[in-house]
Amino acid sequence: MIQYKKILKENRLKITPKRKGIINYFLKNNKYATPFEVWQYMKNNFKKIGLPTIYRNLANFERIGILTKIEGTGNRFYYGLCKLKNKKHHHHVVCILCHKVIDFDICIFDKIKEDIENKTNFTITEHQFFLKGMCKNCKGGKV
């Protein structure tokens, strides 16, 4: 939690009980979740918290690098905690069954960027990369 409080401070966001609660949800569950799932959890801990508050905080957390957002099945968006302690460029692999997420810092994009730019006539300014698969537990039928 300390590293996330530091990121909040660096980005001039107050460290509120609700923001800590959202971060704790992701620390506790170690998986990607929809805003609705986060809201369901938070409703049990805070008497007054609306879904717009959850969306706003998730968007802020994504913007400052605490969370990452991916599109899942049915155009649903999922958020997951970035666990790398530094702001090193990294990517994610997500389990398609339990939504567990693992960060990894291997990236070969620079090797293919120029070729893509030449073929598309685009100047690429950023990229996101995540893989989908099954984690060891789900592959073994333990879910």
C-alpha atoms as a PDB file:
ATOM      1  CA  MET A   1       0.000   0.000   0.000  1.00  0.00           C
ATOM      2  CA  ILE A   2       2.898   2.362   0.720  1.00  0.00           C
ATOM      3  CA  GLN A   3       3.989   2.536  -2.927  1.00  0.00           C
ATOM      4  CA  TYR A   4       0.421   3.350  -4.027  1.00  0.00           C
ATOM      5  CA  LYS A   5       0.065   6.103  -1.426  1.00  0.00           C
ATOM      6  CA  LYS A   6       3.290   7.568  -2.757  1.00  0.00           C
ATOM      7  CA  ILE A   7       1.928   7.521  -6.328  1.00  0.00           C
ATOM      8  CA  LEU A   8      -1.267   9.242  -5.157  1.00  0.00           C
ATOM      9  CA  LYS A   9       0.758  11.965  -3.428  1.00  0.00           C
ATOM     10  CA  GLU A  10       3.050  12.434  -6.439  1.00  0.00           C
ATOM     11  CA  ASN A  11      -0.035  13.009  -8.572  1.00  0.00           C
ATOM     12  CA  ARG A  12      -1.690  15.351  -6.061  1.00  0.00           C
ATOM     13  CA  LEU A  13      -4.569  13.018  -5.249  1.00  0.00           C
ATOM     14  CA  LYS A  14      -5.734  12.856  -1.647  1.00  0.00           C
ATOM     15  CA  ILE A  15      -5.296   9.574   0.185  1.00  0.00           C
ATOM     16  CA  THR A  16      -8.916   8.982   1.183  1.00  0.00           C
ATOM     17  CA  PRO A  17     -10.460   5.928   2.864  1.00  0.00           C
ATOM     18  CA  LYS A  18     -12.372   5.160  -0.347  1.00  0.00           C
ATOM     19  CA  ARG A  19      -9.245   5.307  -2.495  1.00  0.00           C
ATOM     20  CA  LYS A  20      -7.400   3.089  -0.029  1.00  0.00           C
ATOM     21  CA  GLY A  21     -10.395   0.736  -0.067  1.00  0.00           C
ATOM     22  CA  ILE A  22     -10.277   0.408  -3.849  1.00  0.00           C
ATOM     23  CA  ILE A  23      -6.546  -0.298  -3.796  1.00  0.00           C
ATOM     24  CA  ASN A  24      -7.037  -2.834  -0.988  1.00  0.00           C
ATOM     25  CA  TYR A  25      -9.681  -4.601  -3.071  1.00  0.00           C
ATOM     26  CA  PHE A  26      -7.153  -5.188  -5.846  1.00  0.00           C
ATOM     27  CA  LEU A  27      -4.361  -6.116  -3.431  1.00  0.00           C
ATOM     28  CA  LYS A  28      -6.624  -8.637  -1.711  1.00  0.00           C
ATOM     29  CA  ASN A  29      -8.096 -10.235  -4.841  1.00  0.00           C
ATOM     30  CA  ASN A  30      -5.084 -10.258  -7.198  1.00  0.00           C
ATOM     31  CA  LYS A  31      -7.282 -10.271 -10.315  1.00  0.00           C
ATOM     32  CA  TYR A  32      -8.872  -7.981 -12.847  1.00  0.00           C
ATOM     33  CA  ALA A  33     -12.331  -6.729 -11.938  1.00  0.00           C
ATOM     34  CA  THR A  34     -15.138  -4.723 -13.483  1.00  0.00           C
ATOM     35  CA  PRO A  35     -16.154  -1.386 -11.955  1.00  0.00           C
ATOM     36  CA  PHE A  36     -19.373  -3.072 -10.837  1.00  0.00           C
ATOM     37  CA  GLU A  37     -17.447  -5.760  -8.924  1.00  0.00           C
ATOM     38  CA  VAL A  38     -15.369  -3.087  -7.198  1.00  0.00           C
ATOM     39  CA  TRP A  39     -18.542  -1.162  -6.337  1.00  0.00           C
ATOM     40  CA  GLN A  40     -20.189  -4.290  -4.870  1.00  0.00           C
ATOM     41  CA  TYR A  41     -17.180  -4.728  -2.580  1.00  0.00           C
ATOM     42  CA  MET A  42     -17.025  -1.061  -1.623  1.00  0.00           C
ATOM     43  CA  LYS A  43     -20.771  -0.880  -0.797  1.00  0.00           C
ATOM     44  CA  ASN A  44     -20.128  -3.311   2.044  1.00  0.00           C
ATOM     45  CA  ASN A  45     -17.505  -0.996   3.541  1.00  0.00           C
ATOM     46  CA  PHE A  46     -18.949   2.463   2.877  1.00  0.00           C
ATOM     47  CA  LYS A  47     -22.549   3.481   3.445  1.00  0.00           C
ATOM     48  CA  LYS A  48     -22.583   6.080   0.701  1.00  0.00           C
ATOM     49  CA  ILE A  49     -20.602   5.283  -2.404  1.00  0.00           C
ATOM     50  CA  GLY A  50     -21.943   5.473  -5.920  1.00  0.00           C
ATOM     51  CA  LEU A  51     -20.863   3.735  -9.066  1.00  0.00           C
ATOM     52  CA  PRO A  52     -19.754   7.081 -10.608  1.00  0.00           C
ATOM     53  CA  THR A  53     -17.262   7.465  -7.723  1.00  0.00           C
ATOM     54  CA  ILE A  54     -15.831   4.054  -8.565  1.00  0.00           C
ATOM     55  CA  TYR A  55     -15.541   4.879 -12.286  1.00  0.00           C
ATOM     56  CA  ARG A  56     -13.878   8.223 -11.534  1.00  0.00           C
ATOM     57  CA  ASN A  57     -11.323   6.688  -9.159  1.00  0.00           C
ATOM     58  CA  LEU A  58     -10.559   3.766 -11.465  1.00  0.00           C
ATOM     59  CA  ALA A  59      -9.953   6.210 -14.333  1.00  0.00           C
ATOM     60  CA  ASN A  60      -7.653   8.314 -12.136  1.00  0.00           C
ATOM     61  CA  PHE A  61      -5.764   5.219 -10.973  1.00  0.00           C
ATOM     62  CA  GLU A  62      -5.310   4.111 -14.577  1.00  0.00           C
ATOM     63  CA  ARG A  63      -4.084   7.584 -15.589  1.00  0.00           C
ATOM     64  CA  ILE A  64      -1.393   7.630 -12.880  1.00  0.00           C
ATOM     65  CA  GLY A  65      -0.274   4.014 -13.372  1.00  0.00           C
ATOM     66  CA  ILE A  66      -1.755   2.266 -10.343  1.00  0.00           C
ATOM     67  CA  LEU A  67      -4.216   0.274 -12.463  1.00  0.00           C
ATOM     68  CA  THR A  68      -4.336  -0.908 -16.031  1.00  0.00           C
ATOM     69  CA  LYS A  69      -7.534  -1.331 -18.036  1.00  0.00           C
ATOM     70  CA  ILE A  70      -8.263  -4.072 -20.536  1.00  0.00           C
ATOM     71  CA  GLU A  71     -11.268  -4.888 -22.661  1.00  0.00           C
ATOM     72  CA  GLY A  72     -12.747  -8.277 -21.911  1.00  0.00           C
ATOM     73  CA  THR A  73     -15.537 -10.272 -23.465  1.00  0.00           C
ATOM     74  CA  GLY A  74     -18.732  -8.484 -24.399  1.00  0.00           C
ATOM     75  CA  ASN A  75     -17.006  -5.063 -24.516  1.00  0.00           C
ATOM     76  CA  ARG A  76     -16.691  -5.082 -20.720  1.00  0.00           C
ATOM     77  CA  PHE A  77     -13.720  -3.291 -19.223  1.00  0.00           C
ATOM     78  CA  TYR A  78     -11.652  -4.776 -16.444  1.00  0.00           C
ATOM     79  CA  TYR A  79      -9.112  -3.075 -14.198  1.00  0.00           C
ATOM     80  CA  GLY A  80      -6.120  -4.667 -12.549  1.00  0.00           C
ATOM     81  CA  LEU A  81      -3.367  -3.543 -10.243  1.00  0.00           C
ATOM     82  CA  CYS A  82       0.086  -2.845 -11.640  1.00  0.00           C
ATOM     83  CA  LYS A  83       2.471  -4.445  -9.173  1.00  0.00           C
ATOM     84  CA  LEU A  84       5.821  -3.376 -10.547  1.00  0.00           C
ATOM     85  CA  LYS A  85       7.338  -1.091  -7.937  1.00  0.00           C
ATOM     86  CA  ASN A  86       8.911   1.249 -10.443  1.00  0.00           C
ATOM     87  CA  LYS A  87       7.373   2.889 -13.458  1.00  0.00           C
ATOM     88  CA  LYS A  88       9.290   0.581 -15.773  1.00  0.00           C
ATOM     89  CA  HIS A  89       7.540  -0.155 -19.040  1.00  0.00           C
ATOM     90  CA  HIS A  90       5.684  -3.438 -18.717  1.00  0.00           C
ATOM     91  CA  HIS A  91       2.793  -5.542 -19.982  1.00  0.00           C
ATOM     92  CA  HIS A  92       0.247  -8.019 -18.607  1.00  0.00           C
ATOM     93  CA  VAL A  93      -0.939 -11.572 -19.027  1.00  0.00           C
ATOM     94  CA  VAL A  94      -4.524 -12.275 -17.918  1.00  0.00           C
ATOM     95  CA  CYS A  95      -6.241 -15.572 -17.125  1.00  0.00           C
ATOM     96  CA  ILE A  96      -9.402 -15.901 -19.224  1.00  0.00           C
ATOM     97  CA  LEU A  97     -11.151 -17.898 -16.494  1.00  0.00           C
ATOM     98  CA  CYS A  98     -10.292 -16.372 -13.096  1.00  0.00           C
ATOM     99  CA  HIS A  99      -8.992 -12.967 -14.353  1.00  0.00           C
ATOM    100  CA  LYS A 100      -5.743 -13.290 -12.411  1.00  0.00           C
ATOM    101  CA  VAL A 101      -3.142 -10.880 -13.775  1.00  0.00           C
ATOM    102  CA  ILE A 102       0.633 -11.114 -13.893  1.00  0.00           C
ATOM    103  CA  ASP A 103       2.895  -8.221 -14.885  1.00  0.00           C
ATOM    104  CA  PHE A 104       5.937  -8.852 -17.065  1.00  0.00           C
ATOM    105  CA  ASP A 105       8.615  -6.485 -18.326  1.00  0.00           C
ATOM    106  CA  ILE A 106       9.621  -8.216 -21.561  1.00  0.00           C
ATOM    107  CA  CYS A 107       8.903  -6.058 -24.610  1.00  0.00           C
ATOM    108  CA  ILE A 108      10.113  -6.605 -28.154  1.00  0.00           C
ATOM    109  CA  PHE A 109       8.012  -3.813 -29.648  1.00  0.00           C
ATOM    110  CA  ASP A 110      11.003  -1.580 -30.423  1.00  0.00           C
ATOM    111  CA  LYS A 111      12.272  -4.286 -32.785  1.00  0.00           C
ATOM    112  CA  ILE A 112       9.107  -4.156 -34.916  1.00  0.00           C
ATOM    113  CA  LYS A 113       8.011  -0.537 -34.455  1.00  0.00           C
ATOM    114  CA  GLU A 114       9.877   0.857 -37.467  1.00  0.00           C
ATOM    115  CA  ASP A 115       8.524  -1.855 -39.760  1.00  0.00           C
ATOM    116  CA  ILE A 116       4.945  -1.192 -38.610  1.00  0.00           C
ATOM    117  CA  GLU A 117       5.392   2.563 -39.068  1.00  0.00           C
ATOM    118  CA  ASN A 118       6.757   2.062 -42.590  1.00  0.00           C
ATOM    119  CA  LYS A 119       3.899  -0.257 -43.580  1.00  0.00           C
ATOM    120  CA  THR A 120       1.115   1.862 -42.051  1.00  0.00           C
ATOM    121  CA  ASN A 121       2.552   5.370 -42.501  1.00  0.00           C
ATOM    122  CA  PHE A 122       1.769   6.037 -38.815  1.00  0.00           C
ATOM    123  CA  THR A 123       4.096   7.466 -36.217  1.00  0.00           C
ATOM    124  CA  ILE A 124       3.533   5.268 -33.191  1.00  0.00           C
ATOM    125  CA  THR A 125       3.673   7.211 -29.935  1.00  0.00           C
ATOM    126  CA  GLU A 126       2.656   4.513 -27.442  1.00  0.00           C
ATOM    127  CA  HIS A 127       1.516   0.936 -27.207  1.00  0.00           C
ATOM    128  CA  GLN A 128      -0.240  -1.461 -24.865  1.00  0.00           C
ATOM    129  CA  PHE A 129       0.214  -5.170 -24.895  1.00  0.00           C
ATOM    130  CA  PHE A 130      -1.459  -7.914 -22.920  1.00  0.00           C
ATOM    131  CA  LEU A 131      -1.810 -11.602 -23.403  1.00  0.00           C
ATOM    132  CA  LYS A 132      -4.754 -13.807 -22.527  1.00  0.00           C
ATOM    133  CA  GLY A 133      -4.459 -17.427 -21.465  1.00  0.00           C
ATOM    134  CA  MET A 134      -5.035 -19.773 -18.572  1.00  0.00           C
ATOM    135  CA  CYS A 135      -3.105 -19.618 -15.330  1.00  0.00           C
ATOM    136  CA  LYS A 136      -1.607 -22.736 -13.769  1.00  0.00           C
ATOM    137  CA  ASN A 137      -4.566 -23.245 -11.405  1.00  0.00           C
ATOM    138  CA  CYS A 138      -7.232 -22.906 -14.094  1.00  0.00           C
ATOM    139  CA  LYS A 139      -5.316 -25.056 -16.557  1.00  0.00           C
ATOM    140  CA  GLY A 140      -5.194 -27.769 -13.911  1.00  0.00           C
ATOM    141  CA  GLY A 141      -8.972 -27.582 -13.392  1.00  0.00           C
ATOM    142  CA  LYS A 142      -8.744 -26.207  -9.852  1.00  0.00           C
ATOM    143  CA  VAL A 143     -11.227 -23.329 -10.348  1.00  0.00           C
END
